[in-house]
């Protein structure tokens, strides 16, 4: 119920206050395990990624957000789960894998944190690892316009073509290669380069 209410609110926000052009919604599978892997420019990005798609979207978010009492309750009610940044968080990986096993759709930000300069940065291997272990489809997502966002500034949101981890072996080299492919797809949609 809360998720539906928030979707209505953010549909208004991203249609009126921050006019948003959405492309590629048809690339998102209607069912099955899916990871939406997006670049990250601001705190406006998580709800933006989920507002315009027909599926319920769960999120992996930094654990610091769960230390704010009211925010913690909201996050838990919309299926958001914490992750420790800068380290391999086995609990977060396990939760993500359980959600994907249940054929859910989750949002992750491969860069691991918001961009401080508005540029696209190298991705960490977390998305690739979870995709490899879950066999989930990865949809690269490109966000433009949310860096230092101001009212009535236009936003563009692009959902890219589905990708899957194809390598037979899950090792550091193959994970890095798949991570780079995801980031290159995002960069291509942004018509940018990975810094």
Protein backbone atom coordinates (compact mmCIF):
# COMPACT_ATOMS: atom_id res chain seq x y z
CA UNK A 1 0.00 0.00 0.00
CA UNK A 2 2.80 2.44 0.92
CA UNK A 3 4.67 1.54 -2.27
CA UNK A 4 1.60 2.34 -4.37
CA UNK A 5 1.07 5.65 -2.58
CA UNK A 6 4.70 6.66 -3.06
CA UNK A 7 4.49 5.73 -6.75
CA UNK A 8 1.53 8.10 -7.18
CA UNK A 9 3.43 10.89 -5.41
CA UNK A 10 6.62 10.38 -7.41
CA UNK A 11 4.70 10.09 -10.69
CA UNK A 12 3.49 13.63 -10.02
CA UNK A 13 6.97 14.79 -8.96
CA UNK A 14 8.67 13.35 -12.06
CA UNK A 15 5.94 14.50 -14.43
CA UNK A 16 5.36 18.05 -13.18
CA UNK A 17 8.17 19.28 -10.93
CA UNK A 18 10.99 17.49 -12.76
CA UNK A 19 9.64 16.76 -16.29
CA UNK A 20 10.99 13.32 -17.20
CA UNK A 21 11.40 11.66 -20.58
CA UNK A 22 11.36 7.86 -20.23
CA UNK A 23 12.73 5.53 -22.93
CA UNK A 24 13.11 1.75 -23.20
CA UNK A 25 10.45 0.58 -20.72
CA UNK A 26 9.72 -2.26 -23.12
CA UNK A 27 13.20 -3.66 -22.37
CA UNK A 28 12.21 -4.64 -18.82
CA UNK A 29 10.99 -8.26 -18.59
CA UNK A 30 7.44 -8.45 -17.26
CA UNK A 31 8.40 -11.32 -14.95
CA UNK A 32 11.41 -13.17 -13.63
CA UNK A 33 14.56 -12.12 -11.77
CA UNK A 34 15.77 -8.70 -12.92
CA UNK A 35 18.48 -6.29 -11.75
CA UNK A 36 18.19 -2.66 -12.82
CA UNK A 37 21.77 -1.32 -12.78
CA UNK A 38 21.81 2.49 -12.88
CA UNK A 39 24.29 5.33 -12.70
CA UNK A 40 23.87 7.41 -9.55
CA UNK A 41 23.83 11.21 -9.52
CA UNK A 42 21.57 12.14 -6.59
CA UNK A 43 19.16 10.95 -3.90
CA UNK A 44 16.35 11.46 -6.44
CA UNK A 45 17.60 8.49 -8.49
CA UNK A 46 16.20 5.48 -6.54
CA UNK A 47 12.53 6.51 -6.73
CA UNK A 48 13.04 7.72 -10.30
CA UNK A 49 14.20 4.27 -11.48
CA UNK A 50 11.07 2.59 -10.07
CA UNK A 51 8.34 5.15 -10.71
CA UNK A 52 7.63 4.47 -14.38
CA UNK A 53 7.89 0.67 -14.53
CA UNK A 54 4.93 -1.71 -14.05
CA UNK A 55 6.85 -3.96 -11.63
CA UNK A 56 7.43 -3.54 -7.91
CA UNK A 57 11.09 -2.59 -7.41
CA UNK A 58 13.20 -3.44 -4.36
CA UNK A 59 16.36 -1.52 -3.51
CA UNK A 60 19.79 -2.10 -2.05
CA UNK A 61 20.65 1.05 -0.04
CA UNK A 62 23.52 2.18 2.18
CA UNK A 63 23.11 0.99 5.77
CA UNK A 64 23.44 4.53 7.18
CA UNK A 65 19.91 5.30 5.94
CA UNK A 66 18.52 2.60 8.23
CA UNK A 67 19.79 4.46 11.31
CA UNK A 68 17.17 7.20 10.82
CA UNK A 69 14.06 5.85 12.67
CA UNK A 70 11.21 7.10 10.44
CA UNK A 71 13.18 6.56 7.23
CA UNK A 72 14.08 3.03 8.36
CA UNK A 73 10.38 2.13 8.65
CA UNK A 74 9.61 3.56 5.21
CA UNK A 75 12.55 1.77 3.59
CA UNK A 76 11.65 -1.59 5.12
CA UNK A 77 8.02 -1.19 3.99
CA UNK A 78 9.11 -0.76 0.36
CA UNK A 79 11.42 -3.81 0.43
CA UNK A 80 14.68 -1.87 0.69
CA UNK A 81 17.56 -3.68 2.36
CA UNK A 82 20.87 -2.36 3.75
CA UNK A 83 24.36 -2.81 2.35
CA UNK A 84 27.71 -1.91 3.90
CA UNK A 85 29.59 0.17 1.38
CA UNK A 86 33.28 -0.34 0.69
CA UNK A 87 33.24 -3.99 1.76
CA UNK A 88 31.87 -7.32 0.63
CA UNK A 89 28.58 -7.49 2.53
CA UNK A 90 27.53 -11.15 2.57
CA UNK A 91 24.21 -10.44 4.26
CA UNK A 92 23.21 -7.94 1.55
CA UNK A 93 24.31 -10.34 -1.20
CA UNK A 94 22.30 -13.14 0.41
CA UNK A 95 19.19 -10.94 0.66
CA UNK A 96 19.53 -9.88 -2.99
CA UNK A 97 19.91 -13.50 -4.10
CA UNK A 98 16.84 -14.53 -2.09
CA UNK A 99 14.77 -11.77 -3.72
CA UNK A 100 15.96 -12.74 -7.18
CA UNK A 101 15.26 -16.41 -6.47
CA UNK A 102 11.69 -15.27 -5.73
CA UNK A 103 11.70 -13.69 -9.23
CA UNK A 104 11.70 -10.13 -7.93
CA UNK A 105 13.11 -7.00 -9.53
CA UNK A 106 15.83 -5.09 -7.66
CA UNK A 107 17.69 -1.83 -8.23
CA UNK A 108 21.43 -1.49 -7.69
CA UNK A 109 23.96 1.26 -8.40
CA UNK A 110 27.21 -0.32 -9.69
CA UNK A 111 29.30 2.75 -8.86
CA UNK A 112 28.52 2.09 -5.18
CA UNK A 113 27.85 5.73 -4.31
CA UNK A 114 26.61 8.98 -5.80
CA UNK A 115 28.86 10.71 -8.34
CA UNK A 116 30.47 13.78 -6.78
CA UNK A 117 31.15 15.43 -10.14
CA UNK A 118 28.24 14.32 -12.31
CA UNK A 119 30.44 11.97 -14.34
CA UNK A 120 30.05 8.21 -14.74
CA UNK A 121 32.67 6.29 -12.74
CA UNK A 122 33.92 2.70 -12.76
CA UNK A 123 31.60 0.08 -11.39
CA UNK A 124 32.32 -2.35 -8.55
CA UNK A 125 31.74 -6.07 -9.24
CA UNK A 126 28.71 -6.43 -6.92
CA UNK A 127 26.05 -6.32 -9.63
CA UNK A 128 28.02 -8.76 -11.79
CA UNK A 129 28.49 -11.17 -8.87
CA UNK A 130 24.81 -11.18 -7.97
CA UNK A 131 23.82 -11.51 -11.64
CA UNK A 132 26.22 -14.44 -12.08
CA UNK A 133 24.98 -16.27 -9.00
CA UNK A 134 21.27 -15.62 -9.62
CA UNK A 135 21.24 -15.86 -13.44
CA UNK A 136 19.13 -12.68 -13.31
CA UNK A 137 18.67 -10.44 -16.33
CA UNK A 138 20.51 -7.13 -15.99
CA UNK A 139 18.96 -3.98 -17.44
CA UNK A 140 21.47 -1.10 -17.64
CA UNK A 141 19.79 2.20 -16.74
CA UNK A 142 21.02 5.66 -17.73
CA UNK A 143 19.94 8.73 -15.75
CA UNK A 144 20.56 12.27 -16.99
CA UNK A 145 19.62 15.54 -15.31
CA UNK A 146 19.42 14.66 -11.59
CA UNK A 147 22.88 15.99 -10.67
CA UNK A 148 22.32 19.18 -8.63
CA UNK A 149 18.64 18.90 -9.54
CA UNK A 150 16.48 22.04 -9.59
CA UNK A 151 12.69 22.33 -10.08
CA UNK A 152 11.52 22.15 -13.70
CA UNK A 153 14.87 20.86 -14.90
CA UNK A 154 14.35 18.10 -17.47
CA UNK A 155 15.38 14.53 -16.69
CA UNK A 156 15.98 11.66 -19.10
CA UNK A 157 15.65 8.04 -17.96
CA UNK A 158 16.68 5.24 -20.34
CA UNK A 159 16.26 1.50 -19.75
CA UNK A 160 18.75 -0.38 -21.93
CA UNK A 161 18.71 -3.77 -23.61
CA UNK A 162 18.77 -6.89 -21.38
CA UNK A 163 22.17 -8.38 -20.52
CA UNK A 164 23.14 -11.68 -18.90
CA UNK A 165 26.33 -13.03 -17.37
CA UNK A 166 27.46 -15.55 -20.00
CA UNK A 167 30.85 -16.75 -18.73
CA UNK A 168 31.03 -20.37 -17.55
CA UNK A 169 33.28 -19.49 -14.62
CA UNK A 170 32.48 -16.95 -11.90
CA UNK A 171 35.93 -15.49 -11.25
CA UNK A 172 37.43 -12.05 -10.72
CA UNK A 173 38.34 -11.58 -14.38
CA UNK A 174 34.91 -12.53 -15.75
CA UNK A 175 33.11 -10.44 -13.13
CA UNK A 176 35.26 -7.43 -14.01
CA UNK A 177 34.59 -7.94 -17.71
CA UNK A 178 30.82 -8.09 -17.19
CA UNK A 179 30.95 -5.03 -14.90
CA UNK A 180 32.77 -3.11 -17.63
CA UNK A 181 30.16 -4.19 -20.20
CA UNK A 182 27.35 -2.88 -17.97
CA UNK A 183 29.13 0.44 -17.43
CA UNK A 184 29.91 0.78 -21.14
CA UNK A 185 26.22 0.26 -21.96
CA UNK A 186 25.26 2.98 -19.49
CA UNK A 187 27.98 5.26 -20.90
CA UNK A 188 26.73 4.61 -24.43
CA UNK A 189 23.19 5.60 -23.49
CA UNK A 190 24.55 8.73 -21.80
CA UNK A 191 26.80 9.31 -24.82
CA UNK A 192 29.55 9.63 -22.27
CA UNK A 193 32.60 7.72 -21.08
CA UNK A 194 33.45 5.87 -17.88
CA UNK A 195 35.87 7.97 -15.83
